[in-house]
C-alpha atoms as a PDB file:
ATOM      1  CA  UNK A   1     -16.363  -0.067  76.462  1.00  0.00           C
ATOM      2  CA  UNK A   2     -13.028   1.372  75.306  1.00  0.00           C
ATOM      3  CA  UNK A   3     -10.443   0.306  72.758  1.00  0.00           C
ATOM      4  CA  UNK A   4      -7.039   2.005  72.437  1.00  0.00           C
ATOM      5  CA  UNK A   5      -3.637   1.846  70.797  1.00  0.00           C
ATOM      6  CA  UNK A   6      -0.430   3.895  71.004  1.00  0.00           C
ATOM      7  CA  UNK A   7       2.374   4.598  68.556  1.00  0.00           C
ATOM      8  CA  UNK A   8       5.615   6.417  69.361  1.00  0.00           C
ATOM      9  CA  UNK A   9       8.909   7.406  67.765  1.00  0.00           C
ATOM     10  CA  UNK A  10      12.104   9.274  68.590  1.00  0.00           C
ATOM     11  CA  UNK A  11      12.743  12.177  66.226  1.00  0.00           C
ATOM     12  CA  UNK A  12      15.560  14.701  65.931  1.00  0.00           C
ATOM     13  CA  UNK A  13      14.938  18.345  66.713  1.00  0.00           C
ATOM     14  CA  UNK A  14      14.270  21.081  69.211  1.00  0.00           C
ATOM     15  CA  UNK A  15      11.241  20.334  71.384  1.00  0.00           C
ATOM     16  CA  UNK A  16       9.981  23.927  71.260  1.00  0.00           C
ATOM     17  CA  UNK A  17      10.029  23.935  67.453  1.00  0.00           C
ATOM     18  CA  UNK A  18       8.452  20.468  67.286  1.00  0.00           C
ATOM     19  CA  UNK A  19       5.712  21.642  69.664  1.00  0.00           C
ATOM     20  CA  UNK A  20       5.132  24.793  67.587  1.00  0.00           C
ATOM     21  CA  UNK A  21       4.719  22.771  64.381  1.00  0.00           C
ATOM     22  CA  UNK A  22       2.557  20.070  65.995  1.00  0.00           C
ATOM     23  CA  UNK A  23       0.147  22.612  67.479  1.00  0.00           C
ATOM     24  CA  UNK A  24      -0.145  24.841  64.374  1.00  0.00           C
ATOM     25  CA  UNK A  25      -3.474  23.259  63.419  1.00  0.00           C
ATOM     26  CA  UNK A  26      -4.163  25.490  60.408  1.00  0.00           C
ATOM     27  CA  UNK A  27      -0.965  24.258  58.718  1.00  0.00           C
ATOM     28  CA  UNK A  28      -1.231  20.494  59.409  1.00  0.00           C
ATOM     29  CA  UNK A  29      -2.142  19.706  55.800  1.00  0.00           C
ATOM     30  CA  UNK A  30       1.059  21.431  54.601  1.00  0.00           C
ATOM     31  CA  UNK A  31       3.292  18.772  56.164  1.00  0.00           C
ATOM     32  CA  UNK A  32       1.242  15.901  57.667  1.00  0.00           C
ATOM     33  CA  UNK A  33       0.513  13.197  55.056  1.00  0.00           C
ATOM     34  CA  UNK A  34      -2.491  12.073  57.140  1.00  0.00           C
ATOM     35  CA  UNK A  35      -4.380  15.393  57.000  1.00  0.00           C
ATOM     36  CA  UNK A  36      -6.186  16.903  54.003  1.00  0.00           C
ATOM     37  CA  UNK A  37      -7.592  20.024  55.701  1.00  0.00           C
ATOM     38  CA  UNK A  38      -7.748  21.447  59.210  1.00  0.00           C
ATOM     39  CA  UNK A  39      -8.605  24.576  61.116  1.00  0.00           C
ATOM     40  CA  UNK A  40      -8.827  25.832  64.682  1.00  0.00           C
ATOM     41  CA  UNK A  41     -11.409  28.320  65.903  1.00  0.00           C
ATOM     42  CA  UNK A  42      -9.383  30.137  68.557  1.00  0.00           C
ATOM     43  CA  UNK A  43      -6.196  29.768  70.594  1.00  0.00           C
ATOM     44  CA  UNK A  44      -4.529  26.389  71.065  1.00  0.00           C
ATOM     45  CA  UNK A  45      -6.042  25.841  74.512  1.00  0.00           C
ATOM     46  CA  UNK A  46      -8.468  23.576  76.353  1.00  0.00           C
ATOM     47  CA  UNK A  47     -12.020  24.252  75.213  1.00  0.00           C
ATOM     48  CA  UNK A  48     -11.091  25.483  71.730  1.00  0.00           C
ATOM     49  CA  UNK A  49     -12.853  23.760  68.863  1.00  0.00           C
ATOM     50  CA  UNK A  50     -11.448  22.837  65.490  1.00  0.00           C
ATOM     51  CA  UNK A  51     -12.224  20.826  62.392  1.00  0.00           C
ATOM     52  CA  UNK A  52     -10.188  18.224  60.538  1.00  0.00           C
ATOM     53  CA  UNK A  53     -10.456  16.111  57.375  1.00  0.00           C
ATOM     54  CA  UNK A  54      -8.100  13.119  57.589  1.00  0.00           C
ATOM     55  CA  UNK A  55      -7.275  11.228  54.407  1.00  0.00           C
ATOM     56  CA  UNK A  56      -9.544   8.220  54.033  1.00  0.00           C
ATOM     57  CA  UNK A  57     -11.814   9.186  56.918  1.00  0.00           C
ATOM     58  CA  UNK A  58     -14.803  11.471  57.380  1.00  0.00           C
ATOM     59  CA  UNK A  59     -14.277  15.129  58.282  1.00  0.00           C
ATOM     60  CA  UNK A  60     -15.516  16.388  61.587  1.00  0.00           C
ATOM     61  CA  UNK A  61     -15.170  18.733  64.514  1.00  0.00           C
ATOM     62  CA  UNK A  62     -12.941  18.186  67.532  1.00  0.00           C
ATOM     63  CA  UNK A  63     -12.400  19.938  70.849  1.00  0.00           C
ATOM     64  CA  UNK A  64      -9.061  20.401  72.575  1.00  0.00           C
ATOM     65  CA  UNK A  65      -9.670  19.097  76.094  1.00  0.00           C
ATOM     66  CA  UNK A  66      -6.249  19.527  77.723  1.00  0.00           C
ATOM     67  CA  UNK A  67      -2.978  21.307  76.935  1.00  0.00           C
ATOM     68  CA  UNK A  68       0.248  21.066  78.907  1.00  0.00           C
ATOM     69  CA  UNK A  69       2.386  23.569  77.020  1.00  0.00           C
ATOM     70  CA  UNK A  70       5.455  22.005  75.471  1.00  0.00           C
ATOM     71  CA  UNK A  71       4.680  18.455  76.596  1.00  0.00           C
ATOM     72  CA  UNK A  72       1.178  17.140  75.750  1.00  0.00           C
ATOM     73  CA  UNK A  73      -2.273  17.853  74.403  1.00  0.00           C
ATOM     74  CA  UNK A  74      -5.519  15.951  74.167  1.00  0.00           C
ATOM     75  CA  UNK A  75      -8.470  16.265  71.810  1.00  0.00           C
ATOM     76  CA  UNK A  76     -11.850  14.641  71.583  1.00  0.00           C
ATOM     77  CA  UNK A  77     -14.291  14.112  68.721  1.00  0.00           C
ATOM     78  CA  UNK A  78     -17.757  12.652  68.681  1.00  0.00           C
ATOM     79  CA  UNK A  79     -18.468   9.420  66.848  1.00  0.00           C
ATOM     80  CA  UNK A  80     -21.809   7.588  66.717  1.00  0.00           C
ATOM     81  CA  UNK A  81     -22.690   6.428  70.242  1.00  0.00           C
ATOM     82  CA  UNK A  82     -19.292   7.393  71.634  1.00  0.00           C
ATOM     83  CA  UNK A  83     -16.154   9.488  71.313  1.00  0.00           C
ATOM     84  CA  UNK A  84     -12.681   9.365  69.809  1.00  0.00           C
ATOM     85  CA  UNK A  85      -9.935  10.742  72.055  1.00  0.00           C
ATOM     86  CA  UNK A  86      -6.345  11.458  71.012  1.00  0.00           C
ATOM     87  CA  UNK A  87      -3.541  12.172  73.469  1.00  0.00           C
ATOM     88  CA  UNK A  88      -0.172  13.346  72.112  1.00  0.00           C
ATOM     89  CA  UNK A  89       3.032  13.665  74.125  1.00  0.00           C
ATOM     90  CA  UNK A  90       6.428  15.248  73.461  1.00  0.00           C
ATOM     91  CA  UNK A  91       9.419  14.474  75.679  1.00  0.00           C
ATOM     92  CA  UNK A  92      12.904  15.956  75.160  1.00  0.00           C
ATOM     93  CA  UNK A  93      15.479  13.226  75.700  1.00  0.00           C
ATOM     94  CA  UNK A  94      18.386  15.623  76.270  1.00  0.00           C
ATOM     95  CA  UNK A  95      20.447  14.620  73.251  1.00  0.00           C
ATOM     96  CA  UNK A  96      18.742  16.668  70.534  1.00  0.00           C
ATOM     97  CA  UNK A  97      15.948  14.139  70.151  1.00  0.00           C
ATOM     98  CA  UNK A  98      12.326  14.090  71.233  1.00  0.00           C
ATOM     99  CA  UNK A  99      10.094  11.112  71.975  1.00  0.00           C
ATOM    100  CA  UNK A 100       6.711  11.717  70.355  1.00  0.00           C
ATOM    101  CA  UNK A 101       3.702   9.504  70.982  1.00  0.00           C
ATOM    102  CA  UNK A 102       0.021   9.381  70.178  1.00  0.00           C
ATOM    103  CA  UNK A 103      -2.561   7.330  72.033  1.00  0.00           C
ATOM    104  CA  UNK A 104      -5.935   6.866  70.348  1.00  0.00           C
ATOM    105  CA  UNK A 105      -8.954   5.802  72.386  1.00  0.00           C
ATOM    106  CA  UNK A 106     -12.299   4.768  70.954  1.00  0.00           C
ATOM    107  CA  UNK A 107     -15.063   4.945  73.577  1.00  0.00           C
ATOM    108  CA  UNK A 108     -18.389   3.272  72.869  1.00  0.00           C
ATOM    109  CA  UNK A 109     -19.720   0.345  70.872  1.00  0.00           C
ATOM    110  CA  UNK A 110     -17.840   1.258  67.669  1.00  0.00           C
ATOM    111  CA  UNK A 111     -14.463   0.144  69.095  1.00  0.00           C
ATOM    112  CA  UNK A 112     -14.471  -3.250  67.331  1.00  0.00           C
ATOM    113  CA  UNK A 113     -15.569  -1.686  64.025  1.00  0.00           C
ATOM    114  CA  UNK A 114     -12.915   1.035  64.349  1.00  0.00           C
ATOM    115  CA  UNK A 115     -10.296  -1.636  64.976  1.00  0.00           C
ATOM    116  CA  UNK A 116     -11.325  -3.556  61.843  1.00  0.00           C
ATOM    117  CA  UNK A 117     -11.819  -0.619  59.477  1.00  0.00           C
ATOM    118  CA  UNK A 118      -9.577   2.305  60.499  1.00  0.00           C
ATOM    119  CA  UNK A 119      -6.875   1.208  62.931  1.00  0.00           C
ATOM    120  CA  UNK A 120      -4.529  -0.387  60.378  1.00  0.00           C
ATOM    121  CA  UNK A 121      -4.420   2.710  58.175  1.00  0.00           C
ATOM    122  CA  UNK A 122      -4.201   5.086  61.109  1.00  0.00           C
ATOM    123  CA  UNK A 123      -1.332   3.153  62.705  1.00  0.00           C
ATOM    124  CA  UNK A 124       0.478   2.975  59.355  1.00  0.00           C
ATOM    125  CA  UNK A 125       0.154   6.760  58.983  1.00  0.00           C
ATOM    126  CA  UNK A 126       1.512   7.619  62.437  1.00  0.00           C
ATOM    127  CA  UNK A 127       5.206   6.873  61.711  1.00  0.00           C
ATOM    128  CA  UNK A 128       4.885   8.924  58.495  1.00  0.00           C
ATOM    129  CA  UNK A 129       3.340  11.773  60.491  1.00  0.00           C
ATOM    130  CA  UNK A 130       6.151  11.623  63.082  1.00  0.00           C
ATOM    131  CA  UNK A 131       8.771  11.656  60.284  1.00  0.00           C
ATOM    132  CA  UNK A 132       7.027  14.576  58.556  1.00  0.00           C
ATOM    133  CA  UNK A 133       6.860  16.457  61.886  1.00  0.00           C
ATOM    134  CA  UNK A 134      10.624  16.038  62.275  1.00  0.00           C
ATOM    135  CA  UNK A 135      11.285  17.309  58.730  1.00  0.00           C
ATOM    136  CA  UNK A 136       8.944  20.300  59.079  1.00  0.00           C
ATOM    137  CA  UNK A 137      10.416  21.311  62.451  1.00  0.00           C
ATOM    138  CA  UNK A 138      13.935  21.152  60.986  1.00  0.00           C
ATOM    139  CA  UNK A 139      12.789  23.093  57.907  1.00  0.00           C
ATOM    140  CA  UNK A 140      11.360  25.899  60.086  1.00  0.00           C
ATOM    141  CA  UNK A 141      14.681  26.436  61.910  1.00  0.00           C
END
């Protein structure tokens, strides 16, 4: 059993700078309104583990499962009787903008509960995260 949803936005900025900000796990809480604390225990690469405390949700470990430098990355976290998978993509549109997207998948029997309890807040936070990513990437120029 799997439940998923995707949010996306087009933001202004250089894709390399946006990628650098988005993958700087240790600094997420400095700019992302969704994250309270975060860390990564090694290089930003498949197999590396990290830890995150989102606002309004329990803290926990995650593992980066796939990285395609400059274009996408995927992470996975355990939840009771299943897993939570996030896939993020970054696509330069050639006009100084970048399409950013995040797909969230809930695998296991907690999909319906996740949908009722956490999806609304998580979806509401995503546009704010995309906007904050744009601002931070521009600030780091």
